[in-house]
Amino acid sequence: MAGILLTVVSLIVLVSTAGGLFAELPAWFRPGAVLAASAGAALLGPLTFAFCDSRETAALSRSRG
């Protein structure tokens, strides 16, 4: 959930300041990469949770016989 909020806030700041907010940061800092990583985490987190939950449910049903 925090990844989604971070993505939204990052996108709003990036669009509203047209990148000017990041002008004084080090040259290696890439706001677009941070935004992409945040969006990826927001999408992969729930998918990973659902996958692990289904595996756990299947393992429990096999152990109960």
C-alpha atoms as a PDB file:
ATOM      1  CA  MET A   1       0.000   0.000   0.000  1.00  0.00           C
ATOM      2  CA  ALA A   2       2.838   2.379   0.803  1.00  0.00           C
ATOM      3  CA  GLY A   3       4.312   1.747  -2.642  1.00  0.00           C
ATOM      4  CA  ILE A   4       1.121   2.951  -4.284  1.00  0.00           C
ATOM      5  CA  LEU A   5       1.052   6.120  -2.196  1.00  0.00           C
ATOM      6  CA  LEU A   6       4.740   6.773  -2.858  1.00  0.00           C
ATOM      7  CA  THR A   7       4.173   6.332  -6.585  1.00  0.00           C
ATOM      8  CA  VAL A   8       1.266   8.760  -6.641  1.00  0.00           C
ATOM      9  CA  VAL A   9       3.113  11.398  -4.627  1.00  0.00           C
ATOM     10  CA  SER A  10       6.265  10.989  -6.731  1.00  0.00           C
ATOM     11  CA  LEU A  11       4.297  11.339  -9.938  1.00  0.00           C
ATOM     12  CA  ILE A  12       2.473  14.449  -8.720  1.00  0.00           C
ATOM     13  CA  VAL A  13       5.723  16.109  -7.619  1.00  0.00           C
ATOM     14  CA  LEU A  14       7.513  15.144 -10.826  1.00  0.00           C
ATOM     15  CA  VAL A  15       4.743  16.538 -13.035  1.00  0.00           C
ATOM     16  CA  SER A  16       4.019  19.681 -11.025  1.00  0.00           C
ATOM     17  CA  THR A  17       7.631  20.801 -10.702  1.00  0.00           C
ATOM     18  CA  ALA A  18       8.673  19.677 -14.191  1.00  0.00           C
ATOM     19  CA  GLY A  19      11.759  18.108 -12.643  1.00  0.00           C
ATOM     20  CA  GLY A  20      12.976  21.363 -11.077  1.00  0.00           C
ATOM     21  CA  LEU A  21      12.704  19.892  -7.596  1.00  0.00           C
ATOM     22  CA  PHE A  22      15.423  17.388  -8.486  1.00  0.00           C
ATOM     23  CA  ALA A  23      17.880  19.928  -9.937  1.00  0.00           C
ATOM     24  CA  GLU A  24      20.099  20.063  -6.835  1.00  0.00           C
ATOM     25  CA  LEU A  25      20.325  16.315  -6.322  1.00  0.00           C
ATOM     26  CA  PRO A  26      23.382  14.297  -7.394  1.00  0.00           C
ATOM     27  CA  ALA A  27      23.765  13.601 -11.107  1.00  0.00           C
ATOM     28  CA  TRP A  28      23.373   9.836 -10.596  1.00  0.00           C
ATOM     29  CA  PHE A  29      19.868  10.258  -9.122  1.00  0.00           C
ATOM     30  CA  ARG A  30      17.193   9.429 -11.695  1.00  0.00           C
ATOM     31  CA  PRO A  31      13.653  10.377 -10.595  1.00  0.00           C
ATOM     32  CA  GLY A  32      12.150   8.394 -13.468  1.00  0.00           C
ATOM     33  CA  ALA A  33      13.920   5.236 -12.319  1.00  0.00           C
ATOM     34  CA  VAL A  34      12.690   5.764  -8.773  1.00  0.00           C
ATOM     35  CA  LEU A  35       9.153   6.236 -10.030  1.00  0.00           C
ATOM     36  CA  ALA A  36       9.368   3.105 -12.197  1.00  0.00           C
ATOM     37  CA  ALA A  37      10.742   1.036  -9.308  1.00  0.00           C
ATOM     38  CA  SER A  38       7.996   2.285  -7.017  1.00  0.00           C
ATOM     39  CA  ALA A  39       5.285   1.456  -9.573  1.00  0.00           C
ATOM     40  CA  GLY A  40       6.809  -1.979 -10.119  1.00  0.00           C
ATOM     41  CA  ALA A  41       6.853  -2.673  -6.395  1.00  0.00           C
ATOM     42  CA  ALA A  42       3.235  -1.554  -6.086  1.00  0.00           C
ATOM     43  CA  LEU A  43       2.242  -4.066  -8.776  1.00  0.00           C
ATOM     44  CA  LEU A  44       4.488  -6.968  -7.788  1.00  0.00           C
ATOM     45  CA  GLY A  45       3.726  -6.809  -4.059  1.00  0.00           C
ATOM     46  CA  PRO A  46       0.087  -7.930  -4.230  1.00  0.00           C
ATOM     47  CA  LEU A  47       0.882 -10.503  -6.926  1.00  0.00           C
ATOM     48  CA  THR A  48       3.637 -12.022  -4.793  1.00  0.00           C
ATOM     49  CA  PHE A  49       1.356 -12.077  -1.761  1.00  0.00           C
ATOM     50  CA  ALA A  50      -1.405 -13.837  -3.707  1.00  0.00           C
ATOM     51  CA  PHE A  51       1.037 -16.410  -5.097  1.00  0.00           C
ATOM     52  CA  CYS A  52       2.529 -17.187  -1.671  1.00  0.00           C
ATOM     53  CA  ASP A  53      -0.918 -17.376  -0.088  1.00  0.00           C
ATOM     54  CA  SER A  54      -2.122 -19.877  -2.676  1.00  0.00           C
ATOM     55  CA  ARG A  55       1.002 -22.009  -2.151  1.00  0.00           C
ATOM     56  CA  GLU A  56       0.454 -21.964   1.611  1.00  0.00           C
ATOM     57  CA  THR A  57      -3.187 -22.959   1.221  1.00  0.00           C
ATOM     58  CA  ALA A  58      -2.239 -25.826  -1.087  1.00  0.00           C
ATOM     59  CA  ALA A  59       0.459 -27.055   1.306  1.00  0.00           C
ATOM     60  CA  LEU A  60      -1.931 -26.952   4.259  1.00  0.00           C
ATOM     61  CA  SER A  61      -4.619 -28.865   2.378  1.00  0.00           C
ATOM     62  CA  ARG A  62      -2.087 -31.581   1.419  1.00  0.00           C
ATOM     63  CA  SER A  63      -0.826 -31.930   5.000  1.00  0.00           C
ATOM     64  CA  ARG A  64      -4.358 -32.382   6.384  1.00  0.00           C
ATOM     65  CA  GLY A  65      -4.823 -35.273   4.038  1.00  0.00           C
END
